[in-house]
Structures are given as structure tokens and as C-alpha cells.
């Protein structure tokens, strides 16, 4: 499934379900760290993390 041109914040809301190359669902998480919000993608099946969901596909 192609990621297309959807922002990382829009993906965080669950508008589109993405699947990783390992077969798990990709979810976006946010963490408040050092005074800034950091967003990252996590594969639920393998636990791998990446900056963008496209890196897990």
C-alpha cells in the first residue's frame, strides 16, 4: 500500500491503515521530549520504529 501524500499528523489520527513489510499494522506515536513533539512510526508486529511510515513499508 502506497503512503501517498498524507502528512504524518493526518496518519496519526488513523485516517488510513498502513501495513509494514513484516505484515504488521503501522501506527504513529508522539512523544513530548526536550520541549518538542516527536512523531515516529511503529510496526505493531515486529516493534520496529522509524521516522516515517514509508521507511517501514
PDB file of N, CA and C in Angstrom:
ATOM      1  N   UNK A   1       0.839  -1.172   0.000  1.00  0.00           N
ATOM      2  CA  UNK A   1       0.000   0.000   0.000  1.00  0.00           C
ATOM      3  C   UNK A   1       0.883   1.234   0.000  1.00  0.00           C
ATOM      4  N   UNK A   2       0.689   2.117  -0.929  1.00  0.00           N
ATOM      5  CA  UNK A   2       1.498   3.325  -1.038  1.00  0.00           C
ATOM      6  C   UNK A   2       1.047   4.371  -0.023  1.00  0.00           C
ATOM      7  N   UNK A   3       2.023   5.105   0.498  1.00  0.00           N
ATOM      8  CA  UNK A   3       1.717   6.105   1.516  1.00  0.00           C
ATOM      9  C   UNK A   3       1.030   7.327   0.919  1.00  0.00           C
ATOM     10  N   UNK A   4       1.382   7.687  -0.312  1.00  0.00           N
ATOM     11  CA  UNK A   4       0.755   8.852  -0.931  1.00  0.00           C
ATOM     12  C   UNK A   4       1.220  10.141  -0.297  1.00  0.00           C
ATOM     13  N   UNK A   5       0.441  11.190  -0.461  1.00  0.00           N
ATOM     14  CA  UNK A   5       0.813  12.496   0.082  1.00  0.00           C
ATOM     15  C   UNK A   5      -0.088  12.847   1.247  1.00  0.00           C
ATOM     16  N   UNK A   6       0.049  12.104   2.333  1.00  0.00           N
ATOM     17  CA  UNK A   6      -0.716  12.353   3.543  1.00  0.00           C
ATOM     18  C   UNK A   6       0.297  12.683   4.633  1.00  0.00           C
ATOM     19  N   UNK A   7       0.087  13.774   5.341  1.00  0.00           N
ATOM     20  CA  UNK A   7       1.052  14.197   6.347  1.00  0.00           C
ATOM     21  C   UNK A   7       1.118  13.202   7.506  1.00  0.00           C
ATOM     22  N   UNK A   8       2.231  13.238   8.233  1.00  0.00           N
ATOM     23  CA  UNK A   8       2.391  12.325   9.365  1.00  0.00           C
ATOM     24  C   UNK A   8       1.353  12.596  10.439  1.00  0.00           C
ATOM     25  N   UNK A   9       0.924  13.837  10.577  1.00  0.00           N
ATOM     26  CA  UNK A   9      -0.088  14.154  11.580  1.00  0.00           C
ATOM     27  C   UNK A   9      -1.452  13.607  11.178  1.00  0.00           C
ATOM     28  N   UNK A  10      -1.750  13.598   9.890  1.00  0.00           N
ATOM     29  CA  UNK A  10      -3.012  13.034   9.422  1.00  0.00           C
ATOM     30  C   UNK A  10      -3.007  11.514   9.610  1.00  0.00           C
ATOM     31  N   UNK A  11      -1.869  10.869   9.423  1.00  0.00           N
ATOM     32  CA  UNK A  11      -1.783   9.424   9.627  1.00  0.00           C
ATOM     33  C   UNK A  11      -1.965   9.071  11.097  1.00  0.00           C
ATOM     34  N   UNK A  12      -1.539   9.952  11.967  1.00  0.00           N
ATOM     35  CA  UNK A  12      -1.648   9.696  13.406  1.00  0.00           C
ATOM     36  C   UNK A  12      -3.103   9.542  13.827  1.00  0.00           C
ATOM     37  N   UNK A  13      -3.999  10.218  13.171  1.00  0.00           N
ATOM     38  CA  UNK A  13      -5.414  10.161  13.520  1.00  0.00           C
ATOM     39  C   UNK A  13      -6.078   8.870  13.061  1.00  0.00           C
ATOM     40  N   UNK A  14      -5.409   8.052  12.265  1.00  0.00           N
ATOM     41  CA  UNK A  14      -5.962   6.769  11.852  1.00  0.00           C
ATOM     42  C   UNK A  14      -6.857   6.858  10.631  1.00  0.00           C
ATOM     43  N   UNK A  15      -6.655   7.886   9.805  1.00  0.00           N
ATOM     44  CA  UNK A  15      -7.469   8.042   8.609  1.00  0.00           C
ATOM     45  C   UNK A  15      -7.202   6.918   7.603  1.00  0.00           C
ATOM     46  N   UNK A  16      -6.008   6.355   7.635  1.00  0.00           N
ATOM     47  CA  UNK A  16      -5.628   5.318   6.686  1.00  0.00           C
ATOM     48  C   UNK A  16      -4.848   4.239   7.420  1.00  0.00           C
ATOM     49  N   UNK A  17      -5.157   2.981   7.155  1.00  0.00           N
ATOM     50  CA  UNK A  17      -4.431   1.894   7.806  1.00  0.00           C
ATOM     51  C   UNK A  17      -3.286   1.455   6.910  1.00  0.00           C
ATOM     52  N   UNK A  18      -2.072   1.508   7.425  1.00  0.00           N
ATOM     53  CA  UNK A  18      -0.878   1.144   6.667  1.00  0.00           C
ATOM     54  C   UNK A  18      -0.334  -0.175   7.197  1.00  0.00           C
ATOM     55  N   UNK A  19       0.252  -0.984   6.313  1.00  0.00           N
ATOM     56  CA  UNK A  19       0.856  -2.245   6.725  1.00  0.00           C
ATOM     57  C   UNK A  19       2.351  -2.217   6.418  1.00  0.00           C
ATOM     58  N   UNK A  20       3.133  -2.806   7.296  1.00  0.00           N
ATOM     59  CA  UNK A  20       4.585  -2.820   7.129  1.00  0.00           C
ATOM     60  C   UNK A  20       5.011  -4.001   6.272  1.00  0.00           C
ATOM     61  N   UNK A  21       6.289  -4.045   5.950  1.00  0.00           N
ATOM     62  CA  UNK A  21       6.813  -5.167   5.149  1.00  0.00           C
ATOM     63  C   UNK A  21       6.828  -6.453   5.943  1.00  0.00           C
ATOM     64  N   UNK A  22       6.683  -6.375   7.278  1.00  0.00           N
ATOM     65  CA  UNK A  22       6.634  -7.566   8.121  1.00  0.00           C
ATOM     66  C   UNK A  22       5.210  -8.039   8.349  1.00  0.00           C
ATOM     67  N   UNK A  23       4.243  -7.322   7.788  1.00  0.00           N
ATOM     68  CA  UNK A  23       2.859  -7.746   7.878  1.00  0.00           C
ATOM     69  C   UNK A  23       2.074  -7.141   9.028  1.00  0.00           C
ATOM     70  N   UNK A  24       2.706  -6.313   9.830  1.00  0.00           N
ATOM     71  CA  UNK A  24       2.004  -5.685  10.952  1.00  0.00           C
ATOM     72  C   UNK A  24       1.426  -4.332  10.579  1.00  0.00           C
ATOM     73  N   UNK A  25       0.527  -3.844  11.406  1.00  0.00           N
ATOM     74  CA  UNK A  25      -0.077  -2.536  11.185  1.00  0.00           C
ATOM     75  C   UNK A  25       0.893  -1.451  11.657  1.00  0.00           C
ATOM     76  N   UNK A  26       1.026  -0.384  10.876  1.00  0.00           N
ATOM     77  CA  UNK A  26       1.891   0.732  11.252  1.00  0.00           C
ATOM     78  C   UNK A  26       1.049   1.766  11.984  1.00  0.00           C
ATOM     79  N   UNK A  27       1.510   2.120  13.186  1.00  0.00           N
ATOM     80  CA  UNK A  27       0.814   3.161  13.944  1.00  0.00           C
ATOM     81  C   UNK A  27       1.789   4.304  14.206  1.00  0.00           C
ATOM     82  N   UNK A  28       1.256   5.509  14.302  1.00  0.00           N
ATOM     83  CA  UNK A  28       2.071   6.679  14.608  1.00  0.00           C
ATOM     84  C   UNK A  28       1.964   6.959  16.104  1.00  0.00           C
ATOM     85  N   UNK A  29       3.099   7.282  16.693  1.00  0.00           N
ATOM     86  CA  UNK A  29       3.127   7.656  18.104  1.00  0.00           C
ATOM     87  C   UNK A  29       3.797   9.016  18.232  1.00  0.00           C
ATOM     88  N   UNK A  30       3.441   9.733  19.276  1.00  0.00           N
ATOM     89  CA  UNK A  30       4.032  11.038  19.553  1.00  0.00           C
ATOM     90  C   UNK A  30       4.562  11.054  20.979  1.00  0.00           C
ATOM     91  N   UNK A  31       5.721  11.689  21.137  1.00  0.00           N
ATOM     92  CA  UNK A  31       6.345  11.800  22.448  1.00  0.00           C
ATOM     93  C   UNK A  31       6.796  13.245  22.630  1.00  0.00           C
ATOM     94  N   UNK A  32       6.509  13.813  23.793  1.00  0.00           N
ATOM     95  CA  UNK A  32       6.979  15.159  24.111  1.00  0.00           C
ATOM     96  C   UNK A  32       8.341  15.018  24.764  1.00  0.00           C
ATOM     97  N   UNK A  33       9.396  15.476  24.061  1.00  0.00           N
ATOM     98  CA  UNK A  33      10.765  15.260  24.510  1.00  0.00           C
ATOM     99  C   UNK A  33      11.581  16.531  24.291  1.00  0.00           C
ATOM    100  N   UNK A  34      12.292  16.969  25.292  1.00  0.00           N
ATOM    101  CA  UNK A  34      13.136  18.171  25.202  1.00  0.00           C
ATOM    102  C   UNK A  34      12.362  19.395  24.722  1.00  0.00           C
ATOM    103  N   UNK A  35      11.133  19.533  25.169  1.00  0.00           N
ATOM    104  CA  UNK A  35      10.324  20.686  24.796  1.00  0.00           C
ATOM    105  C   UNK A  35       9.745  20.629  23.402  1.00  0.00           C
ATOM    106  N   UNK A  36       9.821  19.493  22.734  1.00  0.00           N
ATOM    107  CA  UNK A  36       9.305  19.361  21.364  1.00  0.00           C
ATOM    108  C   UNK A  36       8.503  18.079  21.224  1.00  0.00           C
ATOM    109  N   UNK A  37       7.546  18.100  20.305  1.00  0.00           N
ATOM    110  CA  UNK A  37       6.794  16.890  19.976  1.00  0.00           C
ATOM    111  C   UNK A  37       7.565  16.114  18.923  1.00  0.00           C
ATOM    112  N   UNK A  38       7.780  14.838  19.186  1.00  0.00           N
ATOM    113  CA  UNK A  38       8.451  13.976  18.206  1.00  0.00           C
ATOM    114  C   UNK A  38       7.470  12.901  17.774  1.00  0.00           C
ATOM    115  N   UNK A  39       7.298  12.750  16.462  1.00  0.00           N
ATOM    116  CA  UNK A  39       6.412  11.744  15.897  1.00  0.00           C
ATOM    117  C   UNK A  39       7.270  10.635  15.306  1.00  0.00           C
ATOM    118  N   UNK A  40       6.845   9.397  15.472  1.00  0.00           N
ATOM    119  CA  UNK A  40       7.544   8.278  14.852  1.00  0.00           C
ATOM    120  C   UNK A  40       6.553   7.162  14.578  1.00  0.00           C
ATOM    121  N   UNK A  41       6.923   6.315  13.619  1.00  0.00           N
ATOM    122  CA  UNK A  41       6.075   5.200  13.212  1.00  0.00           C
ATOM    123  C   UNK A  41       6.578   3.929  13.874  1.00  0.00           C
ATOM    124  N   UNK A  42       5.644   3.054  14.255  1.00  0.00           N
ATOM    125  CA  UNK A  42       5.985   1.785  14.906  1.00  0.00           C
ATOM    126  C   UNK A  42       5.193   0.669  14.240  1.00  0.00           C
ATOM    127  N   UNK A  43       5.867  -0.429  13.939  1.00  0.00           N
ATOM    128  CA  UNK A  43       5.201  -1.628  13.440  1.00  0.00           C
ATOM    129  C   UNK A  43       4.731  -2.418  14.651  1.00  0.00           C
ATOM    130  N   UNK A  44       3.422  -2.715  14.713  1.00  0.00           N
ATOM    131  CA  UNK A  44       2.879  -3.427  15.871  1.00  0.00           C
ATOM    132  C   UNK A  44       3.379  -4.865  15.964  1.00  0.00           C
ATOM    133  N   UNK A  45       3.633  -5.500  14.824  1.00  0.00           N
ATOM    134  CA  UNK A  45       4.033  -6.912  14.820  1.00  0.00           C
ATOM    135  C   UNK A  45       5.497  -7.095  15.218  1.00  0.00           C
ATOM    136  N   UNK A  46       6.402  -6.328  14.579  1.00  0.00           N
ATOM    137  CA  UNK A  46       7.834  -6.518  14.828  1.00  0.00           C
ATOM    138  C   UNK A  46       8.401  -5.563  15.876  1.00  0.00           C
ATOM    139  N   UNK A  47       7.724  -4.433  16.120  1.00  0.00           N
ATOM    140  CA  UNK A  47       8.222  -3.468  17.087  1.00  0.00           C
ATOM    141  C   UNK A  47       9.247  -2.505  16.518  1.00  0.00           C
ATOM    142  N   UNK A  48       9.519  -2.601  15.220  1.00  0.00           N
ATOM    143  CA  UNK A  48      10.478  -1.695  14.589  1.00  0.00           C
ATOM    144  C   UNK A  48       9.945  -0.269  14.587  1.00  0.00           C
ATOM    145  N   UNK A  49      10.865   0.706  14.726  1.00  0.00           N
ATOM    146  CA  UNK A  49      10.498   2.117  14.717  1.00  0.00           C
ATOM    147  C   UNK A  49      11.220   2.829  13.591  1.00  0.00           C
ATOM    148  N   UNK A  50      10.577   3.860  13.043  1.00  0.00           N
ATOM    149  CA  UNK A  50      11.183   4.678  12.006  1.00  0.00           C
ATOM    150  C   UNK A  50      10.614   6.074  12.092  1.00  0.00           C
ATOM    151  N   UNK A  51      11.287   7.006  11.472  1.00  0.00           N
ATOM    152  CA  UNK A  51      10.826   8.404  11.474  1.00  0.00           C
ATOM    153  C   UNK A  51       9.548   8.558  10.673  1.00  0.00           C
ATOM    154  N   UNK A  52       9.474   7.877   9.533  1.00  0.00           N
ATOM    155  CA  UNK A  52       8.307   7.979   8.652  1.00  0.00           C
ATOM    156  C   UNK A  52       7.712   6.594   8.421  1.00  0.00           C
ATOM    157  N   UNK A  53       6.411   6.502   8.233  1.00  0.00           N
ATOM    158  CA  UNK A  53       5.791   5.194   7.931  1.00  0.00           C
ATOM    159  C   UNK A  53       6.339   4.579   6.656  1.00  0.00           C
ATOM    160  N   UNK A  54       6.713   5.405   5.702  1.00  0.00           N
ATOM    161  CA  UNK A  54       7.228   4.921   4.418  1.00  0.00           C
ATOM    162  C   UNK A  54       8.509   4.095   4.618  1.00  0.00           C
ATOM    163  N   UNK A  55       9.279   4.397   5.650  1.00  0.00           N
ATOM    164  CA  UNK A  55      10.519   3.655   5.923  1.00  0.00           C
ATOM    165  C   UNK A  55      10.239   2.229   6.397  1.00  0.00           C
ATOM    166  N   UNK A  56       9.038   1.951   6.870  1.00  0.00           N
ATOM    167  CA  UNK A  56       8.681   0.599   7.336  1.00  0.00           C
ATOM    168  C   UNK A  56       7.970  -0.219   6.264  1.00  0.00           C
ATOM    169  N   UNK A  57       7.655   0.381   5.154  1.00  0.00           N
ATOM    170  CA  UNK A  57       6.914  -0.319   4.093  1.00  0.00           C
ATOM    171  C   UNK A  57       7.857  -1.081   3.189  1.00  0.00           C
TER     172      UNK A  57
END
